């Protein structure tokens, strides 16, 4: 039976550290992008809800049911965003309290 020679060059600590660094950077960027996109979506829903309420108040829109659904969607989205913010702040404060 023929022996297979070892692969030399990179040691496992070098490989592990580069993988961890890339994974951490990608995770941070992905989470940051997710938060930015979520804030944009909530803002869009708030703008649409404000316009729907203004249209209903001025008589340009008569569909009170649709307007109320739009307002509730915007309100729930905002509440969810606030809960995510609270969890992020809580996690940050917990990390600050950790002893190194």
PDB file of N, CA and C in Angstrom:
ATOM      1  N   UNK A   1       0.832  -1.163   0.000  1.00  0.00           N
ATOM      2  CA  UNK A   1       0.000   0.000   0.000  1.00  0.00           C
ATOM      3  C   UNK A   1       0.889   1.242   0.000  1.00  0.00           C
ATOM      4  N   UNK A   2       0.479   2.236  -0.757  1.00  0.00           N
ATOM      5  CA  UNK A   2       1.266   3.447  -0.909  1.00  0.00           C
ATOM      6  C   UNK A   2       0.918   4.470   0.175  1.00  0.00           C
ATOM      7  N   UNK A   3       1.936   5.107   0.749  1.00  0.00           N
ATOM      8  CA  UNK A   3       1.698   6.110   1.778  1.00  0.00           C
ATOM      9  C   UNK A   3       1.362   7.452   1.137  1.00  0.00           C
ATOM     10  N   UNK A   4       0.442   8.150   1.780  1.00  0.00           N
ATOM     11  CA  UNK A   4       0.065   9.487   1.315  1.00  0.00           C
ATOM     12  C   UNK A   4       0.875  10.499   2.115  1.00  0.00           C
ATOM     13  N   UNK A   5       1.618  11.387   1.435  1.00  0.00           N
ATOM     14  CA  UNK A   5       2.441  12.357   2.170  1.00  0.00           C
ATOM     15  C   UNK A   5       1.574  13.442   2.820  1.00  0.00           C
ATOM     16  N   UNK A   6       2.093  13.985   3.931  1.00  0.00           N
ATOM     17  CA  UNK A   6       1.388  15.054   4.635  1.00  0.00           C
ATOM     18  C   UNK A   6       1.441  16.339   3.821  1.00  0.00           C
ATOM     19  N   UNK A   7       0.399  17.120   3.954  1.00  0.00           N
ATOM     20  CA  UNK A   7       0.382  18.443   3.328  1.00  0.00           C
ATOM     21  C   UNK A   7       1.027  19.409   4.306  1.00  0.00           C
ATOM     22  N   UNK A   8       1.992  20.171   3.827  1.00  0.00           N
ATOM     23  CA  UNK A   8       2.671  21.132   4.696  1.00  0.00           C
ATOM     24  C   UNK A   8       2.420  22.538   4.181  1.00  0.00           C
ATOM     25  N   UNK A   9       2.705  23.496   4.987  1.00  0.00           N
ATOM     26  CA  UNK A   9       2.515  24.882   4.570  1.00  0.00           C
ATOM     27  C   UNK A   9       1.785  25.649   5.656  1.00  0.00           C
ATOM     28  N   UNK A  10       0.504  25.467   5.734  1.00  0.00           N
ATOM     29  CA  UNK A  10      -0.296  26.147   6.749  1.00  0.00           C
ATOM     30  C   UNK A  10      -0.545  25.211   7.913  1.00  0.00           C
ATOM     31  N   UNK A  11      -0.331  25.727   9.083  1.00  0.00           N
ATOM     32  CA  UNK A  11      -0.671  24.924  10.260  1.00  0.00           C
ATOM     33  C   UNK A  11      -2.115  25.210  10.640  1.00  0.00           C
ATOM     34  N   UNK A  12      -2.704  24.352  11.396  1.00  0.00           N
ATOM     35  CA  UNK A  12      -4.118  24.505  11.738  1.00  0.00           C
ATOM     36  C   UNK A  12      -4.425  25.780  12.518  1.00  0.00           C
ATOM     37  N   UNK A  13      -3.566  26.291  13.433  1.00  0.00           N
ATOM     38  CA  UNK A  13      -3.899  27.556  14.090  1.00  0.00           C
ATOM     39  C   UNK A  13      -4.015  28.714  13.104  1.00  0.00           C
ATOM     40  N   UNK A  14      -3.177  28.719  12.063  1.00  0.00           N
ATOM     41  CA  UNK A  14      -3.275  29.772  11.059  1.00  0.00           C
ATOM     42  C   UNK A  14      -4.591  29.674  10.301  1.00  0.00           C
ATOM     43  N   UNK A  15      -4.970  28.490   9.947  1.00  0.00           N
ATOM     44  CA  UNK A  15      -6.220  28.282   9.224  1.00  0.00           C
ATOM     45  C   UNK A  15      -7.399  28.675  10.099  1.00  0.00           C
ATOM     46  N   UNK A  16      -7.402  28.217  11.346  1.00  0.00           N
ATOM     47  CA  UNK A  16      -8.505  28.506  12.257  1.00  0.00           C
ATOM     48  C   UNK A  16      -8.676  29.996  12.493  1.00  0.00           C
ATOM     49  N   UNK A  17      -7.577  30.722  12.702  1.00  0.00           N
ATOM     50  CA  UNK A  17      -7.690  32.153  12.991  1.00  0.00           C
ATOM     51  C   UNK A  17      -8.207  32.923  11.788  1.00  0.00           C
ATOM     52  N   UNK A  18      -7.781  32.547  10.580  1.00  0.00           N
ATOM     53  CA  UNK A  18      -8.269  33.264   9.402  1.00  0.00           C
ATOM     54  C   UNK A  18      -9.737  32.965   9.157  1.00  0.00           C
ATOM     55  N   UNK A  19     -10.160  31.753   9.404  1.00  0.00           N
ATOM     56  CA  UNK A  19     -11.570  31.399   9.238  1.00  0.00           C
ATOM     57  C   UNK A  19     -12.418  32.139  10.259  1.00  0.00           C
ATOM     58  N   UNK A  20     -11.984  32.163  11.512  1.00  0.00           N
ATOM     59  CA  UNK A  20     -12.739  32.850  12.560  1.00  0.00           C
ATOM     60  C   UNK A  20     -12.835  34.338  12.285  1.00  0.00           C
ATOM     61  N   UNK A  21     -11.744  34.954  11.839  1.00  0.00           N
ATOM     62  CA  UNK A  21     -11.748  36.392  11.564  1.00  0.00           C
ATOM     63  C   UNK A  21     -12.731  36.711  10.444  1.00  0.00           C
ATOM     64  N   UNK A  22     -12.702  35.948   9.360  1.00  0.00           N
ATOM     65  CA  UNK A  22     -13.610  36.176   8.242  1.00  0.00           C
ATOM     66  C   UNK A  22     -15.052  35.936   8.646  1.00  0.00           C
ATOM     67  N   UNK A  23     -15.301  34.885   9.417  1.00  0.00           N
ATOM     68  CA  UNK A  23     -16.665  34.573   9.836  1.00  0.00           C
ATOM     69  C   UNK A  23     -17.211  35.661  10.747  1.00  0.00           C
ATOM     70  N   UNK A  24     -16.385  36.164  11.650  1.00  0.00           N
ATOM     71  CA  UNK A  24     -16.827  37.219  12.559  1.00  0.00           C
ATOM     72  C   UNK A  24     -17.136  38.494  11.796  1.00  0.00           C
ATOM     73  N   UNK A  25     -16.278  38.872  10.877  1.00  0.00           N
ATOM     74  CA  UNK A  25     -16.495  40.078  10.082  1.00  0.00           C
ATOM     75  C   UNK A  25     -17.764  39.955   9.256  1.00  0.00           C
ATOM     76  N   UNK A  26     -17.964  38.812   8.629  1.00  0.00           N
ATOM     77  CA  UNK A  26     -19.163  38.603   7.822  1.00  0.00           C
ATOM     78  C   UNK A  26     -20.414  38.646   8.686  1.00  0.00           C
ATOM     79  N   UNK A  27     -20.352  38.067   9.878  1.00  0.00           N
ATOM     80  CA  UNK A  27     -21.505  38.056  10.771  1.00  0.00           C
ATOM     81  C   UNK A  27     -21.854  39.468  11.215  1.00  0.00           C
ATOM     82  N   UNK A  28     -20.855  40.248  11.585  1.00  0.00           N
ATOM     83  CA  UNK A  28     -21.093  41.629  12.015  1.00  0.00           C
ATOM     84  C   UNK A  28     -21.685  42.434  10.871  1.00  0.00           C
ATOM     85  N   UNK A  29     -21.118  42.297   9.675  1.00  0.00           N
ATOM     86  CA  UNK A  29     -21.639  43.023   8.521  1.00  0.00           C
ATOM     87  C   UNK A  29     -23.059  42.593   8.195  1.00  0.00           C
ATOM     88  N   UNK A  30     -23.330  41.298   8.259  1.00  0.00           N
ATOM     89  CA  UNK A  30     -24.672  40.804   7.948  1.00  0.00           C
ATOM     90  C   UNK A  30     -25.683  41.326   8.960  1.00  0.00           C
ATOM     91  N   UNK A  31     -25.328  41.322  10.235  1.00  0.00           N
ATOM     92  CA  UNK A  31     -26.246  41.813  11.263  1.00  0.00           C
ATOM     93  C   UNK A  31     -26.471  43.316  11.113  1.00  0.00           C
ATOM     94  N   UNK A  32     -25.409  44.055  10.833  1.00  0.00           N
ATOM     95  CA  UNK A  32     -25.545  45.498  10.617  1.00  0.00           C
ATOM     96  C   UNK A  32     -26.426  45.808   9.421  1.00  0.00           C
ATOM     97  N   UNK A  33     -26.226  45.077   8.339  1.00  0.00           N
ATOM     98  CA  UNK A  33     -27.060  45.274   7.150  1.00  0.00           C
ATOM     99  C   UNK A  33     -28.507  44.910   7.424  1.00  0.00           C
ATOM    100  N   UNK A  34     -28.716  43.847   8.201  1.00  0.00           N
ATOM    101  CA  UNK A  34     -30.072  43.444   8.565  1.00  0.00           C
ATOM    102  C   UNK A  34     -30.765  44.551   9.354  1.00  0.00           C
ATOM    103  N   UNK A  35     -30.063  45.141  10.310  1.00  0.00           N
ATOM    104  CA  UNK A  35     -30.652  46.218  11.110  1.00  0.00           C
ATOM    105  C   UNK A  35     -30.966  47.441  10.256  1.00  0.00           C
ATOM    106  N   UNK A  36     -30.036  47.813   9.384  1.00  0.00           N
ATOM    107  CA  UNK A  36     -30.272  48.966   8.511  1.00  0.00           C
ATOM    108  C   UNK A  36     -31.491  48.746   7.625  1.00  0.00           C
ATOM    109  N   UNK A  37     -31.585  47.569   7.039  1.00  0.00           N
ATOM    110  CA  UNK A  37     -32.715  47.261   6.159  1.00  0.00           C
ATOM    111  C   UNK A  37     -34.023  47.239   6.943  1.00  0.00           C
ATOM    112  N   UNK A  38     -33.988  46.715   8.147  1.00  0.00           N
ATOM    113  CA  UNK A  38     -35.188  46.682   8.986  1.00  0.00           C
ATOM    114  C   UNK A  38     -35.650  48.090   9.331  1.00  0.00           C
ATOM    115  N   UNK A  39     -34.713  48.958   9.660  1.00  0.00           N
ATOM    116  CA  UNK A  39     -35.066  50.347   9.979  1.00  0.00           C
ATOM    117  C   UNK A  39     -35.663  51.033   8.762  1.00  0.00           C
ATOM    118  N   UNK A  40     -35.085  50.792   7.586  1.00  0.00           N
ATOM    119  CA  UNK A  40     -35.640  51.373   6.355  1.00  0.00           C
ATOM    120  C   UNK A  40     -37.070  50.888   6.110  1.00  0.00           C
ATOM    121  N   UNK A  41     -37.300  49.585   6.300  1.00  0.00           N
ATOM    122  CA  UNK A  41     -38.638  49.042   6.075  1.00  0.00           C
ATOM    123  C   UNK A  41     -39.651  49.620   7.052  1.00  0.00           C
ATOM    124  N   UNK A  42     -39.275  49.738   8.312  1.00  0.00           N
ATOM    125  CA  UNK A  42     -40.180  50.315   9.310  1.00  0.00           C
ATOM    126  C   UNK A  42     -40.461  51.771   8.970  1.00  0.00           C
ATOM    127  N   UNK A  43     -39.445  52.494   8.543  1.00  0.00           N
ATOM    128  CA  UNK A  43     -39.643  53.894   8.165  1.00  0.00           C
ATOM    129  C   UNK A  43     -40.607  54.012   6.986  1.00  0.00           C
ATOM    130  N   UNK A  44     -40.445  53.139   5.989  1.00  0.00           N
ATOM    131  CA  UNK A  44     -41.357  53.159   4.840  1.00  0.00           C
ATOM    132  C   UNK A  44     -42.792  52.897   5.281  1.00  0.00           C
ATOM    133  N   UNK A  45     -42.976  51.925   6.181  1.00  0.00           N
ATOM    134  CA  UNK A  45     -44.319  51.620   6.663  1.00  0.00           C
ATOM    135  C   UNK A  45     -44.898  52.798   7.438  1.00  0.00           C
ATOM    136  N   UNK A  46     -44.071  53.501   8.211  1.00  0.00           N
ATOM    137  CA  UNK A  46     -44.540  54.671   8.952  1.00  0.00           C
ATOM    138  C   UNK A  46     -44.973  55.783   7.995  1.00  0.00           C
ATOM    139  N   UNK A  47     -44.205  55.998   6.930  1.00  0.00           N
ATOM    140  CA  UNK A  47     -44.541  57.031   5.949  1.00  0.00           C
ATOM    141  C   UNK A  47     -45.855  56.691   5.254  1.00  0.00           C
ATOM    142  N   UNK A  48     -46.017  55.430   4.863  1.00  0.00           N
ATOM    143  CA  UNK A  48     -47.256  54.997   4.206  1.00  0.00           C
ATOM    144  C   UNK A  48     -48.441  55.152   5.156  1.00  0.00           C
ATOM    145  N   UNK A  49     -48.256  54.793   6.416  1.00  0.00           N
ATOM    146  CA  UNK A  49     -49.333  54.907   7.401  1.00  0.00           C
ATOM    147  C   UNK A  49     -49.703  56.367   7.642  1.00  0.00           C
ATOM    148  N   UNK A  50     -48.703  57.243   7.728  1.00  0.00           N
ATOM    149  CA  UNK A  50     -48.984  58.667   7.915  1.00  0.00           C
ATOM    150  C   UNK A  50     -49.760  59.234   6.737  1.00  0.00           C
ATOM    151  N   UNK A  51     -49.371  58.836   5.527  1.00  0.00           N
ATOM    152  CA  UNK A  51     -50.082  59.313   4.335  1.00  0.00           C
ATOM    153  C   UNK A  51     -51.507  58.784   4.315  1.00  0.00           C
ATOM    154  N   UNK A  52     -51.692  57.518   4.678  1.00  0.00           N
ATOM    155  CA  UNK A  52     -53.037  56.938   4.703  1.00  0.00           C
ATOM    156  C   UNK A  52     -53.913  57.656   5.722  1.00  0.00           C
ATOM    157  N   UNK A  53     -53.366  57.976   6.886  1.00  0.00           N
ATOM    158  CA  UNK A  53     -54.135  58.687   7.911  1.00  0.00           C
ATOM    159  C   UNK A  53     -54.481  60.097   7.447  1.00  0.00           C
ATOM    160  N   UNK A  54     -53.527  60.770   6.806  1.00  0.00           N
ATOM    161  CA  UNK A  54     -53.785  62.119   6.297  1.00  0.00           C
ATOM    162  C   UNK A  54     -54.839  62.089   5.193  1.00  0.00           C
ATOM    163  N   UNK A  55     -54.758  61.095   4.310  1.00  0.00           N
ATOM    164  CA  UNK A  55     -55.750  60.965   3.240  1.00  0.00           C
ATOM    165  C   UNK A  55     -57.138  60.704   3.808  1.00  0.00           C
ATOM    166  N   UNK A  56     -57.224  59.889   4.837  1.00  0.00           N
ATOM    167  CA  UNK A  56     -58.516  59.606   5.463  1.00  0.00           C
ATOM    168  C   UNK A  56     -59.059  60.859   6.142  1.00  0.00           C
ATOM    169  N   UNK A  57     -58.196  61.610   6.796  1.00  0.00           N
ATOM    170  CA  UNK A  57     -58.627  62.818   7.504  1.00  0.00           C
ATOM    171  C   UNK A  57     -59.094  63.910   6.550  1.00  0.00           C
ATOM    172  N   UNK A  58     -58.480  63.993   5.372  1.00  0.00           N
ATOM    173  CA  UNK A  58     -58.853  65.035   4.414  1.00  0.00           C
ATOM    174  C   UNK A  58     -59.969  64.604   3.479  1.00  0.00           C
ATOM    175  N   UNK A  59     -60.384  63.358   3.572  1.00  0.00           N
ATOM    176  CA  UNK A  59     -61.479  62.877   2.738  1.00  0.00           C
ATOM    177  C   UNK A  59     -61.044  62.326   1.397  1.00  0.00           C
ATOM    178  N   UNK A  60     -59.753  62.264   1.131  1.00  0.00           N
ATOM    179  CA  UNK A  60     -59.269  61.713  -0.132  1.00  0.00           C
ATOM    180  C   UNK A  60     -59.410  60.201  -0.157  1.00  0.00           C
ATOM    181  N   UNK A  61     -59.470  59.596   1.013  1.00  0.00           N
ATOM    182  CA  UNK A  61     -59.619  58.142   1.144  1.00  0.00           C
ATOM    183  C   UNK A  61     -60.829  57.870   2.022  1.00  0.00           C
ATOM    184  N   UNK A  62     -61.645  56.891   1.614  1.00  0.00           N
ATOM    185  CA  UNK A  62     -62.834  56.559   2.404  1.00  0.00           C
ATOM    186  C   UNK A  62     -62.762  55.160   3.005  1.00  0.00           C
ATOM    187  N   UNK A  63     -61.704  54.422   2.694  1.00  0.00           N
ATOM    188  CA  UNK A  63     -61.560  53.055   3.196  1.00  0.00           C
ATOM    189  C   UNK A  63     -60.924  53.076   4.583  1.00  0.00           C
ATOM    190  N   UNK A  64     -61.770  53.194   5.602  1.00  0.00           N
ATOM    191  CA  UNK A  64     -61.259  53.262   6.975  1.00  0.00           C
ATOM    192  C   UNK A  64     -60.639  51.930   7.393  1.00  0.00           C
ATOM    193  N   UNK A  65     -61.186  50.832   6.888  1.00  0.00           N
ATOM    194  CA  UNK A  65     -60.668  49.505   7.232  1.00  0.00           C
ATOM    195  C   UNK A  65     -59.217  49.348   6.757  1.00  0.00           C
ATOM    196  N   UNK A  66     -58.970  49.672   5.508  1.00  0.00           N
ATOM    197  CA  UNK A  66     -57.617  49.570   4.958  1.00  0.00           C
ATOM    198  C   UNK A  66     -56.644  50.509   5.654  1.00  0.00           C
ATOM    199  N   UNK A  67     -57.131  51.706   5.971  1.00  0.00           N
ATOM    200  CA  UNK A  67     -56.286  52.669   6.675  1.00  0.00           C
ATOM    201  C   UNK A  67     -55.903  52.161   8.055  1.00  0.00           C
ATOM    202  N   UNK A  68     -56.846  51.589   8.775  1.00  0.00           N
ATOM    203  CA  UNK A  68     -56.569  51.071  10.117  1.00  0.00           C
ATOM    204  C   UNK A  68     -55.598  49.890  10.066  1.00  0.00           C
ATOM    205  N   UNK A  69     -55.744  49.042   9.057  1.00  0.00           N
ATOM    206  CA  UNK A  69     -54.808  47.915   8.909  1.00  0.00           C
ATOM    207  C   UNK A  69     -53.397  48.441   8.650  1.00  0.00           C
ATOM    208  N   UNK A  70     -53.282  49.444   7.787  1.00  0.00           N
ATOM    209  CA  UNK A  70     -51.977  50.043   7.491  1.00  0.00           C
ATOM    210  C   UNK A  70     -51.356  50.652   8.746  1.00  0.00           C
ATOM    211  N   UNK A  71     -52.176  51.357   9.529  1.00  0.00           N
ATOM    212  CA  UNK A  71     -51.682  51.959  10.769  1.00  0.00           C
ATOM    213  C   UNK A  71     -51.239  50.894  11.773  1.00  0.00           C
ATOM    214  N   UNK A  72     -51.991  49.810  11.880  1.00  0.00           N
ATOM    215  CA  UNK A  72     -51.626  48.739  12.812  1.00  0.00           C
ATOM    216  C   UNK A  72     -50.342  48.034  12.383  1.00  0.00           C
ATOM    217  N   UNK A  73     -50.196  47.789  11.083  1.00  0.00           N
ATOM    218  CA  UNK A  73     -48.963  47.163  10.585  1.00  0.00           C
ATOM    219  C   UNK A  73     -47.753  48.026  10.923  1.00  0.00           C
ATOM    220  N   UNK A  74     -47.888  49.331  10.705  1.00  0.00           N
ATOM    221  CA  UNK A  74     -46.779  50.241  11.003  1.00  0.00           C
ATOM    222  C   UNK A  74     -46.483  50.257  12.500  1.00  0.00           C
ATOM    223  N   UNK A  75     -47.527  50.257  13.314  1.00  0.00           N
ATOM    224  CA  UNK A  75     -47.340  50.262  14.764  1.00  0.00           C
ATOM    225  C   UNK A  75     -46.673  48.997  15.271  1.00  0.00           C
ATOM    226  N   UNK A  76     -47.108  47.862  14.770  1.00  0.00           N
ATOM    227  CA  UNK A  76     -46.520  46.582  15.191  1.00  0.00           C
ATOM    228  C   UNK A  76     -45.068  46.481  14.733  1.00  0.00           C
ATOM    229  N   UNK A  77     -44.785  46.934  13.515  1.00  0.00           N
ATOM    230  CA  UNK A  77     -43.404  46.916  13.018  1.00  0.00           C
ATOM    231  C   UNK A  77     -42.503  47.784  13.888  1.00  0.00           C
ATOM    232  N   UNK A  78     -43.016  48.945  14.287  1.00  0.00           N
ATOM    233  CA  UNK A  78     -42.228  49.837  15.136  1.00  0.00           C
ATOM    234  C   UNK A  78     -41.989  49.217  16.508  1.00  0.00           C
ATOM    235  N   UNK A  79     -43.013  48.594  17.074  1.00  0.00           N
ATOM    236  CA  UNK A  79     -42.857  47.932  18.376  1.00  0.00           C
ATOM    237  C   UNK A  79     -41.830  46.801  18.302  1.00  0.00           C
ATOM    238  N   UNK A  80     -41.861  46.031  17.229  1.00  0.00           N
ATOM    239  CA  UNK A  80     -40.881  44.956  17.048  1.00  0.00           C
ATOM    240  C   UNK A  80     -39.468  45.527  16.946  1.00  0.00           C
ATOM    241  N   UNK A  81     -39.319  46.603  16.186  1.00  0.00           N
ATOM    242  CA  UNK A  81     -38.013  47.242  16.059  1.00  0.00           C
ATOM    243  C   UNK A  81     -37.513  47.725  17.418  1.00  0.00           C
ATOM    244  N   UNK A  82     -38.391  48.270  18.231  1.00  0.00           N
ATOM    245  CA  UNK A  82     -37.998  48.738  19.564  1.00  0.00           C
ATOM    246  C   UNK A  82     -37.582  47.569  20.458  1.00  0.00           C
ATOM    247  N   UNK A  83     -38.252  46.439  20.330  1.00  0.00           N
ATOM    248  CA  UNK A  83     -37.871  45.268  21.122  1.00  0.00           C
ATOM    249  C   UNK A  83     -36.510  44.727  20.694  1.00  0.00           C
ATOM    250  N   UNK A  84     -36.245  44.730  19.396  1.00  0.00           N
ATOM    251  CA  UNK A  84     -34.931  44.300  18.906  1.00  0.00           C
ATOM    252  C   UNK A  84     -33.859  45.251  19.431  1.00  0.00           C
ATOM    253  N   UNK A  85     -34.139  46.549  19.379  1.00  0.00           N
ATOM    254  CA  UNK A  85     -33.199  47.539  19.912  1.00  0.00           C
ATOM    255  C   UNK A  85     -32.925  47.287  21.390  1.00  0.00           C
ATOM    256  N   UNK A  86     -33.979  47.030  22.159  1.00  0.00           N
ATOM    257  CA  UNK A  86     -33.812  46.777  23.590  1.00  0.00           C
ATOM    258  C   UNK A  86     -32.958  45.538  23.840  1.00  0.00           C
ATOM    259  N   UNK A  87     -33.163  44.493  23.044  1.00  0.00           N
ATOM    260  CA  UNK A  87     -32.362  43.272  23.197  1.00  0.00           C
ATOM    261  C   UNK A  87     -30.899  43.522  22.841  1.00  0.00           C
ATOM    262  N   UNK A  88     -30.651  44.302  21.799  1.00  0.00           N
ATOM    263  CA  UNK A  88     -29.277  44.618  21.405  1.00  0.00           C
ATOM    264  C   UNK A  88     -28.591  45.418  22.511  1.00  0.00           C
ATOM    265  N   UNK A  89     -29.287  46.396  23.063  1.00  0.00           N
ATOM    266  CA  UNK A  89     -28.714  47.191  24.156  1.00  0.00           C
ATOM    267  C   UNK A  89     -28.457  46.315  25.371  1.00  0.00           C
ATOM    268  N   UNK A  90     -29.387  45.435  25.682  1.00  0.00           N
ATOM    269  CA  UNK A  90     -29.219  44.530  26.816  1.00  0.00           C
ATOM    270  C   UNK A  90     -28.009  43.616  26.613  1.00  0.00           C
ATOM    271  N   UNK A  91     -27.851  43.095  25.412  1.00  0.00           N
ATOM    272  CA  UNK A  91     -26.704  42.229  25.116  1.00  0.00           C
ATOM    273  C   UNK A  91     -25.399  43.012  25.213  1.00  0.00           C
ATOM    274  N   UNK A  92     -25.401  44.238  24.722  1.00  0.00           N
ATOM    275  CA  UNK A  92     -24.205  45.081  24.802  1.00  0.00           C
ATOM    276  C   UNK A  92     -23.829  45.352  26.258  1.00  0.00           C
ATOM    277  N   UNK A  93     -24.824  45.676  27.074  1.00  0.00           N
ATOM    278  CA  UNK A  93     -24.553  45.936  28.491  1.00  0.00           C
ATOM    279  C   UNK A  93     -24.035  44.683  29.190  1.00  0.00           C
ATOM    280  N   UNK A  94     -24.561  43.531  28.819  1.00  0.00           N
ATOM    281  CA  UNK A  94     -24.088  42.269  29.395  1.00  0.00           C
ATOM    282  C   UNK A  94     -22.632  42.014  29.012  1.00  0.00           C
ATOM    283  N   UNK A  95     -22.280  42.299  27.782  1.00  0.00           N
ATOM    284  CA  UNK A  95     -20.899  42.122  27.331  1.00  0.00           C
ATOM    285  C   UNK A  95     -19.971  43.092  28.062  1.00  0.00           C
ATOM    286  N   UNK A  96     -20.434  44.316  28.281  1.00  0.00           N
ATOM    287  CA  UNK A  96     -19.619  45.292  29.015  1.00  0.00           C
ATOM    288  C   UNK A  96     -19.340  44.841  30.444  1.00  0.00           C
ATOM    289  N   UNK A  97     -20.270  44.117  31.046  1.00  0.00           N
ATOM    290  CA  UNK A  97     -20.105  43.666  32.429  1.00  0.00           C
ATOM    291  C   UNK A  97     -19.176  42.461  32.551  1.00  0.00           C
ATOM    292  N   UNK A  98     -18.892  41.795  31.448  1.00  0.00           N
ATOM    293  CA  UNK A  98     -18.023  40.614  31.503  1.00  0.00           C
ATOM    294  C   UNK A  98     -16.610  41.002  31.894  1.00  0.00           C
ATOM    295  N   UNK A  99     -16.017  40.169  32.727  1.00  0.00           N
ATOM    296  CA  UNK A  99     -14.633  40.402  33.113  1.00  0.00           C
ATOM    297  C   UNK A  99     -13.722  39.620  32.184  1.00  0.00           C
ATOM    298  N   UNK A 100     -12.664  40.276  31.799  1.00  0.00           N
ATOM    299  CA  UNK A 100     -11.721  39.635  30.874  1.00  0.00           C
ATOM    300  C   UNK A 100     -10.556  39.075  31.638  1.00  0.00           C
TER     301      UNK A 100
END
